[in-house]
């Protein structure tokens, strides 16, 4: 019998973004548990420190949740949001934190310059799907806030983006199930990747093939 989605172990929601950026990077993190930091990851971590303090703030008739716990058995993910805005709305959903009803609006914080990266949108869409599953609501829009630029871009959570998010979750789940590290493919993104030295994307295929054949030879040789 095939396991239902509720039976699957939930993986970190952030891995969807990592997989979208580079499947091998995600594999190094998830399968081999490798990590290294560089100036870009350090800057991002520093800028997120204030956001990543769990708390609830009230501003007027709206609530702002930072580091809210999220999960989705449909996607097989769990994690935390950067920020979920709960705006007072008559046709919204009730929350256990305050009277009334609210419309939920997830916001993902990113450091660096403004850039239209699909993996950011997928990560944000996954957060919305988590909220929909947890609170029985519908979320049609969310936003990405670029910290350095002080700019907020709205993201429409349409059917196409939801399907990309679902496919990304399936791809990560398949990688985890097979425990197979994706192959390295060198691109411009590699230059800023903190795992560049661990990944070795420029390693020539003939070198990889030689190592593989040598290993097979050692495995087949009989001990003296």
C-alpha atoms as a PDB file:
ATOM      1  CA  UNK A   1       0.000   0.000   0.000  1.00  0.00           C
ATOM      2  CA  UNK A   2       1.295   3.434  -0.896  1.00  0.00           C
ATOM      3  CA  UNK A   3       1.736   5.871   2.009  1.00  0.00           C
ATOM      4  CA  UNK A   4      -0.631   8.812   2.151  1.00  0.00           C
ATOM      5  CA  UNK A   5       0.721  12.363   2.272  1.00  0.00           C
ATOM      6  CA  UNK A   6      -0.089  12.469   6.008  1.00  0.00           C
ATOM      7  CA  UNK A   7       2.260   9.511   6.590  1.00  0.00           C
ATOM      8  CA  UNK A   8       5.261  11.204   4.995  1.00  0.00           C
ATOM      9  CA  UNK A   9       7.894  12.836   7.159  1.00  0.00           C
ATOM     10  CA  UNK A  10       7.693  16.590   6.708  1.00  0.00           C
ATOM     11  CA  UNK A  11      10.819  18.254   5.329  1.00  0.00           C
ATOM     12  CA  UNK A  12      11.835  21.902   5.923  1.00  0.00           C
ATOM     13  CA  UNK A  13       9.830  24.302   3.793  1.00  0.00           C
ATOM     14  CA  UNK A  14      12.997  26.281   3.012  1.00  0.00           C
ATOM     15  CA  UNK A  15      14.312  23.333   1.003  1.00  0.00           C
ATOM     16  CA  UNK A  16      11.829  24.214  -1.739  1.00  0.00           C
ATOM     17  CA  UNK A  17      13.690  27.472  -2.301  1.00  0.00           C
ATOM     18  CA  UNK A  18      17.047  25.717  -2.078  1.00  0.00           C
ATOM     19  CA  UNK A  19      15.938  23.133  -4.659  1.00  0.00           C
ATOM     20  CA  UNK A  20      14.646  25.858  -6.963  1.00  0.00           C
ATOM     21  CA  UNK A  21      17.973  27.669  -6.730  1.00  0.00           C
ATOM     22  CA  UNK A  22      19.982  24.490  -7.328  1.00  0.00           C
ATOM     23  CA  UNK A  23      18.913  20.847  -6.821  1.00  0.00           C
ATOM     24  CA  UNK A  24      22.472  19.825  -5.941  1.00  0.00           C
ATOM     25  CA  UNK A  25      22.727  22.521  -3.268  1.00  0.00           C
ATOM     26  CA  UNK A  26      19.510  21.215  -1.740  1.00  0.00           C
ATOM     27  CA  UNK A  27      20.893  17.683  -1.879  1.00  0.00           C
ATOM     28  CA  UNK A  28      24.119  18.680  -0.151  1.00  0.00           C
ATOM     29  CA  UNK A  29      22.077  20.275   2.621  1.00  0.00           C
ATOM     30  CA  UNK A  30      19.396  17.608   2.939  1.00  0.00           C
ATOM     31  CA  UNK A  31      21.184  14.350   2.153  1.00  0.00           C
ATOM     32  CA  UNK A  32      24.806  14.978   3.094  1.00  0.00           C
ATOM     33  CA  UNK A  33      24.026  17.620   5.749  1.00  0.00           C
ATOM     34  CA  UNK A  34      26.763  19.881   4.411  1.00  0.00           C
ATOM     35  CA  UNK A  35      26.842  23.591   5.146  1.00  0.00           C
ATOM     36  CA  UNK A  36      29.284  26.454   4.721  1.00  0.00           C
ATOM     37  CA  UNK A  37      28.771  30.185   5.058  1.00  0.00           C
ATOM     38  CA  UNK A  38      30.024  33.033   2.910  1.00  0.00           C
ATOM     39  CA  UNK A  39      29.471  36.786   2.814  1.00  0.00           C
ATOM     40  CA  UNK A  40      26.071  36.420   1.149  1.00  0.00           C
ATOM     41  CA  UNK A  41      24.614  33.908   3.609  1.00  0.00           C
ATOM     42  CA  UNK A  42      26.083  35.852   6.540  1.00  0.00           C
ATOM     43  CA  UNK A  43      24.478  39.080   5.326  1.00  0.00           C
ATOM     44  CA  UNK A  44      21.131  37.370   4.898  1.00  0.00           C
ATOM     45  CA  UNK A  45      21.298  35.816   8.352  1.00  0.00           C
ATOM     46  CA  UNK A  46      22.141  39.165   9.960  1.00  0.00           C
ATOM     47  CA  UNK A  47      19.312  40.997   8.215  1.00  0.00           C
ATOM     48  CA  UNK A  48      16.819  38.310   9.233  1.00  0.00           C
ATOM     49  CA  UNK A  49      17.688  38.384  12.924  1.00  0.00           C
ATOM     50  CA  UNK A  50      15.027  40.931  13.832  1.00  0.00           C
ATOM     51  CA  UNK A  51      12.381  39.203  11.742  1.00  0.00           C
ATOM     52  CA  UNK A  52      13.241  35.810  13.221  1.00  0.00           C
ATOM     53  CA  UNK A  53      12.153  36.729  16.742  1.00  0.00           C
ATOM     54  CA  UNK A  54       8.872  34.889  17.450  1.00  0.00           C
ATOM     55  CA  UNK A  55       6.231  37.437  18.427  1.00  0.00           C
ATOM     56  CA  UNK A  56       2.838  38.927  17.660  1.00  0.00           C
ATOM     57  CA  UNK A  57       2.342  42.653  17.118  1.00  0.00           C
ATOM     58  CA  UNK A  58      -0.944  44.529  16.940  1.00  0.00           C
ATOM     59  CA  UNK A  59      -1.255  47.594  14.734  1.00  0.00           C
ATOM     60  CA  UNK A  60      -4.724  49.055  14.613  1.00  0.00           C
ATOM     61  CA  UNK A  61      -7.130  46.251  13.736  1.00  0.00           C
ATOM     62  CA  UNK A  62      -4.390  44.077  12.170  1.00  0.00           C
ATOM     63  CA  UNK A  63      -2.127  41.457  13.709  1.00  0.00           C
ATOM     64  CA  UNK A  64       1.415  40.650  12.597  1.00  0.00           C
ATOM     65  CA  UNK A  65       2.896  37.244  13.362  1.00  0.00           C
ATOM     66  CA  UNK A  66       6.639  36.660  13.088  1.00  0.00           C
ATOM     67  CA  UNK A  67       8.077  33.137  13.034  1.00  0.00           C
ATOM     68  CA  UNK A  68       4.648  31.503  12.915  1.00  0.00           C
ATOM     69  CA  UNK A  69       4.772  27.708  12.761  1.00  0.00           C
ATOM     70  CA  UNK A  70       3.604  26.336   9.424  1.00  0.00           C
ATOM     71  CA  UNK A  71       2.955  22.861   8.041  1.00  0.00           C
ATOM     72  CA  UNK A  72       1.241  21.177   5.124  1.00  0.00           C
ATOM     73  CA  UNK A  73       0.656  17.452   4.852  1.00  0.00           C
ATOM     74  CA  UNK A  74      -0.453  17.987   1.245  1.00  0.00           C
ATOM     75  CA  UNK A  75       3.019  19.313   0.334  1.00  0.00           C
ATOM     76  CA  UNK A  76       4.925  17.366   2.994  1.00  0.00           C
ATOM     77  CA  UNK A  77       6.602  20.464   4.449  1.00  0.00           C
ATOM     78  CA  UNK A  78       6.933  22.284   7.750  1.00  0.00           C
ATOM     79  CA  UNK A  79       8.688  25.474   8.762  1.00  0.00           C
ATOM     80  CA  UNK A  80       8.197  29.025   9.920  1.00  0.00           C
ATOM     81  CA  UNK A  81       7.031  32.179   8.192  1.00  0.00           C
ATOM     82  CA  UNK A  82       8.972  35.420   8.153  1.00  0.00           C
ATOM     83  CA  UNK A  83       5.744  37.327   8.677  1.00  0.00           C
ATOM     84  CA  UNK A  84       2.024  36.648   8.391  1.00  0.00           C
ATOM     85  CA  UNK A  85      -0.201  39.705   8.336  1.00  0.00           C
ATOM     86  CA  UNK A  86      -3.719  39.115   9.648  1.00  0.00           C
ATOM     87  CA  UNK A  87      -5.957  41.916   8.442  1.00  0.00           C
ATOM     88  CA  UNK A  88      -9.395  42.374   9.960  1.00  0.00           C
ATOM     89  CA  UNK A  89     -11.947  41.205   7.409  1.00  0.00           C
ATOM     90  CA  UNK A  90     -15.631  40.251   7.738  1.00  0.00           C
ATOM     91  CA  UNK A  91     -15.300  37.273   5.378  1.00  0.00           C
ATOM     92  CA  UNK A  92     -11.975  36.138   6.859  1.00  0.00           C
ATOM     93  CA  UNK A  93     -11.237  33.292   9.262  1.00  0.00           C
ATOM     94  CA  UNK A  94     -11.212  33.275  13.081  1.00  0.00           C
ATOM     95  CA  UNK A  95      -7.879  33.067  14.893  1.00  0.00           C
ATOM     96  CA  UNK A  96      -7.256  31.905  18.472  1.00  0.00           C
ATOM     97  CA  UNK A  97      -5.308  35.072  19.255  1.00  0.00           C
ATOM     98  CA  UNK A  98      -7.992  37.766  19.021  1.00  0.00           C
ATOM     99  CA  UNK A  99     -11.748  38.176  18.466  1.00  0.00           C
ATOM    100  CA  UNK A 100     -13.085  38.775  14.990  1.00  0.00           C
ATOM    101  CA  UNK A 101     -12.096  37.395  11.600  1.00  0.00           C
ATOM    102  CA  UNK A 102      -8.954  37.998   9.605  1.00  0.00           C
ATOM    103  CA  UNK A 103      -7.576  37.653   6.071  1.00  0.00           C
ATOM    104  CA  UNK A 104      -4.107  36.088   6.116  1.00  0.00           C
ATOM    105  CA  UNK A 105      -1.307  37.525   4.014  1.00  0.00           C
ATOM    106  CA  UNK A 106       2.168  35.909   4.168  1.00  0.00           C
ATOM    107  CA  UNK A 107       5.240  38.070   3.561  1.00  0.00           C
ATOM    108  CA  UNK A 108       8.697  36.630   2.846  1.00  0.00           C
ATOM    109  CA  UNK A 109      11.773  38.773   3.577  1.00  0.00           C
ATOM    110  CA  UNK A 110      14.790  38.619   1.260  1.00  0.00           C
ATOM    111  CA  UNK A 111      18.109  40.438   1.444  1.00  0.00           C
ATOM    112  CA  UNK A 112      20.061  41.848  -1.478  1.00  0.00           C
ATOM    113  CA  UNK A 113      18.830  43.568  -4.606  1.00  0.00           C
ATOM    114  CA  UNK A 114      15.374  43.110  -6.078  1.00  0.00           C
ATOM    115  CA  UNK A 115      15.340  40.064  -8.308  1.00  0.00           C
ATOM    116  CA  UNK A 116      12.553  37.994  -9.769  1.00  0.00           C
ATOM    117  CA  UNK A 117      13.557  34.512  -8.648  1.00  0.00           C
ATOM    118  CA  UNK A 118      10.964  31.791  -9.158  1.00  0.00           C
ATOM    119  CA  UNK A 119      12.207  29.850  -6.116  1.00  0.00           C
ATOM    120  CA  UNK A 120      11.239  32.809  -3.910  1.00  0.00           C
ATOM    121  CA  UNK A 121       7.706  32.721  -5.267  1.00  0.00           C
ATOM    122  CA  UNK A 122       7.498  28.957  -4.775  1.00  0.00           C
ATOM    123  CA  UNK A 123       8.623  29.257  -1.154  1.00  0.00           C
ATOM    124  CA  UNK A 124       6.048  31.997  -0.569  1.00  0.00           C
ATOM    125  CA  UNK A 125       3.293  29.998  -2.258  1.00  0.00           C
ATOM    126  CA  UNK A 126       4.124  27.003  -0.054  1.00  0.00           C
ATOM    127  CA  UNK A 127       3.676  29.205   3.029  1.00  0.00           C
ATOM    128  CA  UNK A 128       0.256  30.249   1.781  1.00  0.00           C
ATOM    129  CA  UNK A 129      -0.735  26.618   1.147  1.00  0.00           C
ATOM    130  CA  UNK A 130       0.315  25.792   4.715  1.00  0.00           C
ATOM    131  CA  UNK A 131      -1.878  28.575   6.087  1.00  0.00           C
ATOM    132  CA  UNK A 132      -4.792  27.493   3.918  1.00  0.00           C
ATOM    133  CA  UNK A 133      -4.495  23.933   5.221  1.00  0.00           C
ATOM    134  CA  UNK A 134      -4.104  25.002   8.854  1.00  0.00           C
ATOM    135  CA  UNK A 135      -6.831  27.647   8.981  1.00  0.00           C
ATOM    136  CA  UNK A 136      -9.248  26.560   6.265  1.00  0.00           C
ATOM    137  CA  UNK A 137      -8.909  29.764   4.259  1.00  0.00           C
ATOM    138  CA  UNK A 138      -8.116  30.857   0.713  1.00  0.00           C
ATOM    139  CA  UNK A 139      -5.142  33.117  -0.014  1.00  0.00           C
ATOM    140  CA  UNK A 140      -4.914  34.686  -3.447  1.00  0.00           C
ATOM    141  CA  UNK A 141      -1.965  37.015  -2.914  1.00  0.00           C
ATOM    142  CA  UNK A 142       1.208  37.310  -0.834  1.00  0.00           C
ATOM    143  CA  UNK A 143       4.332  39.475  -0.977  1.00  0.00           C
ATOM    144  CA  UNK A 144       8.130  39.450  -1.001  1.00  0.00           C
ATOM    145  CA  UNK A 145       9.851  42.279   0.872  1.00  0.00           C
ATOM    146  CA  UNK A 146      13.391  43.103  -0.288  1.00  0.00           C
ATOM    147  CA  UNK A 147      15.165  44.393   2.795  1.00  0.00           C
ATOM    148  CA  UNK A 148      17.995  46.347   1.137  1.00  0.00           C
ATOM    149  CA  UNK A 149      15.707  48.015  -1.397  1.00  0.00           C
ATOM    150  CA  UNK A 150      12.862  48.589   1.108  1.00  0.00           C
ATOM    151  CA  UNK A 151      10.561  47.345  -1.613  1.00  0.00           C
ATOM    152  CA  UNK A 152       7.549  45.078  -1.408  1.00  0.00           C
ATOM    153  CA  UNK A 153       6.394  43.104  -4.450  1.00  0.00           C
ATOM    154  CA  UNK A 154       3.000  41.418  -4.525  1.00  0.00           C
ATOM    155  CA  UNK A 155       2.860  37.821  -5.806  1.00  0.00           C
ATOM    156  CA  UNK A 156      -0.341  36.382  -7.262  1.00  0.00           C
ATOM    157  CA  UNK A 157      -0.841  32.815  -6.072  1.00  0.00           C
ATOM    158  CA  UNK A 158      -2.450  31.525  -9.236  1.00  0.00           C
ATOM    159  CA  UNK A 159      -2.961  27.937 -10.406  1.00  0.00           C
ATOM    160  CA  UNK A 160       0.300  27.872 -12.370  1.00  0.00           C
ATOM    161  CA  UNK A 161       2.412  28.896  -9.371  1.00  0.00           C
ATOM    162  CA  UNK A 162       0.590  26.436  -7.122  1.00  0.00           C
ATOM    163  CA  UNK A 163       1.330  23.618  -9.552  1.00  0.00           C
ATOM    164  CA  UNK A 164       5.022  24.593  -9.709  1.00  0.00           C
ATOM    165  CA  UNK A 165       5.073  24.541  -5.913  1.00  0.00           C
ATOM    166  CA  UNK A 166       3.476  21.100  -5.824  1.00  0.00           C
ATOM    167  CA  UNK A 167       5.949  19.768  -8.395  1.00  0.00           C
ATOM    168  CA  UNK A 168       8.881  21.225  -6.447  1.00  0.00           C
ATOM    169  CA  UNK A 169       7.667  19.490  -3.280  1.00  0.00           C
ATOM    170  CA  UNK A 170       7.357  16.192  -5.158  1.00  0.00           C
ATOM    171  CA  UNK A 171      10.875  16.603  -6.567  1.00  0.00           C
ATOM    172  CA  UNK A 172      12.383  17.205  -3.128  1.00  0.00           C
ATOM    173  CA  UNK A 173      10.442  14.272  -1.691  1.00  0.00           C
ATOM    174  CA  UNK A 174      11.695  12.013  -4.500  1.00  0.00           C
ATOM    175  CA  UNK A 175      15.281  13.145  -3.905  1.00  0.00           C
ATOM    176  CA  UNK A 176      14.980  12.409  -0.203  1.00  0.00           C
ATOM    177  CA  UNK A 177      13.375   9.019  -0.819  1.00  0.00           C
ATOM    178  CA  UNK A 178      16.059   7.980  -3.290  1.00  0.00           C
ATOM    179  CA  UNK A 179      18.906   9.511  -1.255  1.00  0.00           C
ATOM    180  CA  UNK A 180      20.535  10.369  -4.577  1.00  0.00           C
ATOM    181  CA  UNK A 181      22.592  13.561  -4.771  1.00  0.00           C
ATOM    182  CA  UNK A 182      21.682  15.536  -7.946  1.00  0.00           C
ATOM    183  CA  UNK A 183      24.556  16.036 -10.410  1.00  0.00           C
ATOM    184  CA  UNK A 184      26.511  19.273 -10.433  1.00  0.00           C
ATOM    185  CA  UNK A 185      25.779  21.757 -13.222  1.00  0.00           C
ATOM    186  CA  UNK A 186      27.971  24.843 -13.266  1.00  0.00           C
ATOM    187  CA  UNK A 187      26.189  28.170 -13.823  1.00  0.00           C
ATOM    188  CA  UNK A 188      26.524  31.834 -12.890  1.00  0.00           C
ATOM    189  CA  UNK A 189      24.749  31.070  -9.602  1.00  0.00           C
ATOM    190  CA  UNK A 190      27.674  28.926  -8.492  1.00  0.00           C
ATOM    191  CA  UNK A 191      29.916  31.947  -7.976  1.00  0.00           C
ATOM    192  CA  UNK A 192      27.799  33.166  -5.039  1.00  0.00           C
ATOM    193  CA  UNK A 193      26.989  29.749  -3.599  1.00  0.00           C
ATOM    194  CA  UNK A 194      28.444  29.103  -0.143  1.00  0.00           C
ATOM    195  CA  UNK A 195      28.761  25.384  -0.975  1.00  0.00           C
ATOM    196  CA  UNK A 196      30.916  25.940  -4.066  1.00  0.00           C
ATOM    197  CA  UNK A 197      34.014  24.244  -2.665  1.00  0.00           C
ATOM    198  CA  UNK A 198      32.011  21.310  -1.332  1.00  0.00           C
ATOM    199  CA  UNK A 199      30.079  20.901  -4.576  1.00  0.00           C
ATOM    200  CA  UNK A 200      32.983  21.157  -7.046  1.00  0.00           C
ATOM    201  CA  UNK A 201      30.689  21.833 -10.049  1.00  0.00           C
ATOM    202  CA  UNK A 202      33.637  22.165 -12.443  1.00  0.00           C
ATOM    203  CA  UNK A 203      34.912  18.676 -11.719  1.00  0.00           C
ATOM    204  CA  UNK A 204      35.287  17.100 -15.138  1.00  0.00           C
ATOM    205  CA  UNK A 205      33.047  14.195 -16.016  1.00  0.00           C
ATOM    206  CA  UNK A 206      36.012  12.025 -16.945  1.00  0.00           C
ATOM    207  CA  UNK A 207      37.383  12.502 -13.445  1.00  0.00           C
ATOM    208  CA  UNK A 208      34.061  11.499 -11.965  1.00  0.00           C
ATOM    209  CA  UNK A 209      33.908   8.503 -14.260  1.00  0.00           C
ATOM    210  CA  UNK A 210      37.431   7.455 -13.342  1.00  0.00           C
ATOM    211  CA  UNK A 211      36.636   7.619  -9.627  1.00  0.00           C
ATOM    212  CA  UNK A 212      33.450   5.624 -10.135  1.00  0.00           C
ATOM    213  CA  UNK A 213      35.213   2.914 -12.138  1.00  0.00           C
ATOM    214  CA  UNK A 214      38.017   2.739  -9.583  1.00  0.00           C
ATOM    215  CA  UNK A 215      35.494   2.286  -6.806  1.00  0.00           C
ATOM    216  CA  UNK A 216      33.720  -0.486  -8.746  1.00  0.00           C
ATOM    217  CA  UNK A 217      37.069  -2.212  -9.266  1.00  0.00           C
ATOM    218  CA  UNK A 218      37.848  -2.109  -5.567  1.00  0.00           C
ATOM    219  CA  UNK A 219      34.428  -3.488  -4.774  1.00  0.00           C
ATOM    220  CA  UNK A 220      34.803  -6.451  -7.118  1.00  0.00           C
ATOM    221  CA  UNK A 221      38.357  -7.432  -6.188  1.00  0.00           C
ATOM    222  CA  UNK A 222      38.540 -10.458  -3.925  1.00  0.00           C
ATOM    223  CA  UNK A 223      40.518 -10.048  -0.705  1.00  0.00           C
ATOM    224  CA  UNK A 224      43.801 -11.946  -0.590  1.00  0.00           C
END
